[in-house]
Amino acid sequence: MDTKPAKFKLGQVVKHKLFFFRGIIFDVDPIFDNTDEWLERIPEERRPKKDQPFYHLLAENEDRSVYIAYVSQQNLEKDNSNEPFTHPSVKLIFNGNDEEGNFILKQSTN
């Protein structure tokens, strides 16, 4: 199976193209790596293909609800809003921002 290259990087702030939420990428799967049941819950006309990167996001919506999201590359775009994040896990995973506004992953101490 041919795979698409990752368009986004760890620590980058992105938003969903169809739904009103944004997030910070903290992990990426080169291809779909979740259950078929998870994928089948998405309506067929909007169901993403498996052969693309899928991103794990610290996500929050306009109501400031916070959660973890798993989103296909085709449904993401860069977020330039510069709005602050309230997700409580941001400080656990990231250590500040770089000059482009991306979050910097904390280094493992192992």
C-alpha atoms as a PDB file:
ATOM      1  CA  MET A   1       0.000   0.000   0.000  1.00  0.00           C
ATOM      2  CA  ASP A   2       1.399   3.389  -0.981  1.00  0.00           C
ATOM      3  CA  THR A   3       1.275   5.917   1.817  1.00  0.00           C
ATOM      4  CA  LYS A   4       1.167   9.685   1.736  1.00  0.00           C
ATOM      5  CA  PRO A   5       3.890  11.708   3.485  1.00  0.00           C
ATOM      6  CA  ALA A   6       2.958  13.494   6.707  1.00  0.00           C
ATOM      7  CA  LYS A   7       1.944  17.083   5.971  1.00  0.00           C
ATOM      8  CA  PHE A   8       1.977  18.205   9.606  1.00  0.00           C
ATOM      9  CA  LYS A   9       4.556  17.821  12.377  1.00  0.00           C
ATOM     10  CA  LEU A  10       4.537  17.105  16.086  1.00  0.00           C
ATOM     11  CA  GLY A  11       3.652  20.212  18.075  1.00  0.00           C
ATOM     12  CA  GLN A  12       1.883  21.906  15.173  1.00  0.00           C
ATOM     13  CA  VAL A  13      -1.480  23.570  15.785  1.00  0.00           C
ATOM     14  CA  VAL A  14      -4.181  22.405  13.374  1.00  0.00           C
ATOM     15  CA  LYS A  15      -7.929  22.654  12.961  1.00  0.00           C
ATOM     16  CA  HIS A  16     -10.513  20.296  11.560  1.00  0.00           C
ATOM     17  CA  LYS A  17     -11.865  21.250   8.130  1.00  0.00           C
ATOM     18  CA  LEU A  18     -15.421  20.035   8.798  1.00  0.00           C
ATOM     19  CA  PHE A  19     -15.947  20.356  12.545  1.00  0.00           C
ATOM     20  CA  PHE A  20     -15.249  23.263  14.856  1.00  0.00           C
ATOM     21  CA  PHE A  21     -12.284  22.092  16.860  1.00  0.00           C
ATOM     22  CA  ARG A  22      -8.554  22.607  16.882  1.00  0.00           C
ATOM     23  CA  GLY A  23      -5.671  20.738  18.390  1.00  0.00           C
ATOM     24  CA  ILE A  24      -1.973  20.224  18.903  1.00  0.00           C
ATOM     25  CA  ILE A  25      -0.412  17.175  17.259  1.00  0.00           C
ATOM     26  CA  PHE A  26       1.321  14.942  19.804  1.00  0.00           C
ATOM     27  CA  ASP A  27       1.639  11.731  17.767  1.00  0.00           C
ATOM     28  CA  VAL A  28       1.208  10.544  14.177  1.00  0.00           C
ATOM     29  CA  ASP A  29       0.470   7.181  12.585  1.00  0.00           C
ATOM     30  CA  PRO A  30       1.790   6.847   8.992  1.00  0.00           C
ATOM     31  CA  ILE A  31      -1.438   4.993   8.121  1.00  0.00           C
ATOM     32  CA  PHE A  32      -4.693   4.304   9.953  1.00  0.00           C
ATOM     33  CA  ASP A  33      -4.026   2.431  13.197  1.00  0.00           C
ATOM     34  CA  ASN A  34      -7.356   2.221  14.970  1.00  0.00           C
ATOM     35  CA  THR A  35     -10.206  -0.290  14.924  1.00  0.00           C
ATOM     36  CA  ASP A  36     -12.444  -0.925  11.941  1.00  0.00           C
ATOM     37  CA  GLU A  37     -15.398  -0.308  14.272  1.00  0.00           C
ATOM     38  CA  TRP A  38     -14.079   3.211  14.935  1.00  0.00           C
ATOM     39  CA  LEU A  39     -13.766   3.908  11.214  1.00  0.00           C
ATOM     40  CA  GLU A  40     -17.185   2.439  10.376  1.00  0.00           C
ATOM     41  CA  ARG A  41     -18.883   4.882  12.770  1.00  0.00           C
ATOM     42  CA  ILE A  42     -17.958   7.646  10.326  1.00  0.00           C
ATOM     43  CA  PRO A  43     -20.628   8.064   7.616  1.00  0.00           C
ATOM     44  CA  GLU A  44     -19.419   6.425   4.406  1.00  0.00           C
ATOM     45  CA  GLU A  45     -19.526   9.653   2.390  1.00  0.00           C
ATOM     46  CA  ARG A  46     -17.080  11.263   4.881  1.00  0.00           C
ATOM     47  CA  ARG A  47     -15.047   8.183   5.824  1.00  0.00           C
ATOM     48  CA  PRO A  48     -11.325   8.816   5.251  1.00  0.00           C
ATOM     49  CA  LYS A  49      -9.073   6.377   3.437  1.00  0.00           C
ATOM     50  CA  LYS A  50      -6.679   4.341   5.588  1.00  0.00           C
ATOM     51  CA  ASP A  51      -3.571   5.007   3.456  1.00  0.00           C
ATOM     52  CA  GLN A  52      -2.800   8.463   4.841  1.00  0.00           C
ATOM     53  CA  PRO A  53      -1.343   9.800   8.069  1.00  0.00           C
ATOM     54  CA  PHE A  54      -3.652   9.966  11.084  1.00  0.00           C
ATOM     55  CA  TYR A  55      -2.856  12.409  13.862  1.00  0.00           C
ATOM     56  CA  HIS A  56      -3.408  12.237  17.627  1.00  0.00           C
ATOM     57  CA  LEU A  57      -4.434  15.679  18.883  1.00  0.00           C
ATOM     58  CA  LEU A  58      -4.857  17.396  22.205  1.00  0.00           C
ATOM     59  CA  ALA A  59      -8.130  18.907  21.044  1.00  0.00           C
ATOM     60  CA  GLU A  60     -10.580  21.539  22.205  1.00  0.00           C
ATOM     61  CA  ASN A  61     -13.708  22.954  20.662  1.00  0.00           C
ATOM     62  CA  GLU A  62     -15.306  26.384  20.767  1.00  0.00           C
ATOM     63  CA  ASP A  63     -17.025  25.483  24.067  1.00  0.00           C
ATOM     64  CA  ARG A  64     -13.536  24.828  25.525  1.00  0.00           C
ATOM     65  CA  SER A  65     -14.299  21.131  25.957  1.00  0.00           C
ATOM     66  CA  VAL A  66     -11.007  19.240  25.934  1.00  0.00           C
ATOM     67  CA  TYR A  67     -10.381  15.719  24.639  1.00  0.00           C
ATOM     68  CA  ILE A  68      -8.078  13.549  22.540  1.00  0.00           C
ATOM     69  CA  ALA A  69      -8.933  13.354  18.828  1.00  0.00           C
ATOM     70  CA  TYR A  70      -7.751  10.980  16.087  1.00  0.00           C
ATOM     71  CA  VAL A  71      -8.001  12.701  12.709  1.00  0.00           C
ATOM     72  CA  SER A  72      -7.009  11.888   9.133  1.00  0.00           C
ATOM     73  CA  GLN A  73      -4.664  14.201   7.289  1.00  0.00           C
ATOM     74  CA  GLN A  74      -7.338  15.023   4.683  1.00  0.00           C
ATOM     75  CA  ASN A  75      -9.490  16.610   7.399  1.00  0.00           C
ATOM     76  CA  LEU A  76      -6.855  18.902   8.890  1.00  0.00           C
ATOM     77  CA  GLU A  77      -5.417  22.273   8.017  1.00  0.00           C
ATOM     78  CA  LYS A  78      -2.995  24.606   9.766  1.00  0.00           C
ATOM     79  CA  ASP A  79      -4.543  26.815  12.448  1.00  0.00           C
ATOM     80  CA  ASN A  80      -3.262  30.402  12.473  1.00  0.00           C
ATOM     81  CA  SER A  81      -5.623  31.796  15.109  1.00  0.00           C
ATOM     82  CA  ASN A  82      -2.947  32.143  17.842  1.00  0.00           C
ATOM     83  CA  GLU A  83      -5.675  31.441  20.401  1.00  0.00           C
ATOM     84  CA  PRO A  84      -4.364  30.004  23.694  1.00  0.00           C
ATOM     85  CA  PHE A  85      -4.983  26.354  24.567  1.00  0.00           C
ATOM     86  CA  THR A  86      -6.715  25.337  27.790  1.00  0.00           C
ATOM     87  CA  HIS A  87      -6.165  21.580  27.432  1.00  0.00           C
ATOM     88  CA  PRO A  88      -4.678  20.419  30.762  1.00  0.00           C
ATOM     89  CA  SER A  89      -2.252  17.981  29.074  1.00  0.00           C
ATOM     90  CA  VAL A  90      -0.424  20.684  27.085  1.00  0.00           C
ATOM     91  CA  LYS A  91       2.009  21.364  29.952  1.00  0.00           C
ATOM     92  CA  LEU A  92       2.578  17.629  30.479  1.00  0.00           C
ATOM     93  CA  ILE A  93       3.629  16.953  26.872  1.00  0.00           C
ATOM     94  CA  PHE A  94       4.996  20.270  25.612  1.00  0.00           C
ATOM     95  CA  ASN A  95       7.522  22.795  26.859  1.00  0.00           C
ATOM     96  CA  GLY A  96       6.741  26.203  25.360  1.00  0.00           C
ATOM     97  CA  ASN A  97       6.617  27.284  21.715  1.00  0.00           C
ATOM     98  CA  ASP A  98       9.106  27.804  18.902  1.00  0.00           C
ATOM     99  CA  GLU A  99       9.365  30.983  16.803  1.00  0.00           C
ATOM    100  CA  GLU A 100       6.632  29.711  14.431  1.00  0.00           C
ATOM    101  CA  GLY A 101       4.140  29.128  17.250  1.00  0.00           C
ATOM    102  CA  ASN A 102       4.479  25.332  17.233  1.00  0.00           C
ATOM    103  CA  PHE A 103       4.654  23.582  20.576  1.00  0.00           C
ATOM    104  CA  ILE A 104       7.963  21.962  21.576  1.00  0.00           C
ATOM    105  CA  LEU A 105       7.797  18.367  22.814  1.00  0.00           C
ATOM    106  CA  LYS A 106       9.360  17.769  26.190  1.00  0.00           C
ATOM    107  CA  GLN A 107      12.456  15.582  25.973  1.00  0.00           C
ATOM    108  CA  SER A 108      12.235  12.117  27.457  1.00  0.00           C
ATOM    109  CA  THR A 109      14.443  11.534  30.475  1.00  0.00           C
ATOM    110  CA  ASN A 110      14.853   7.793  29.764  1.00  0.00           C
END
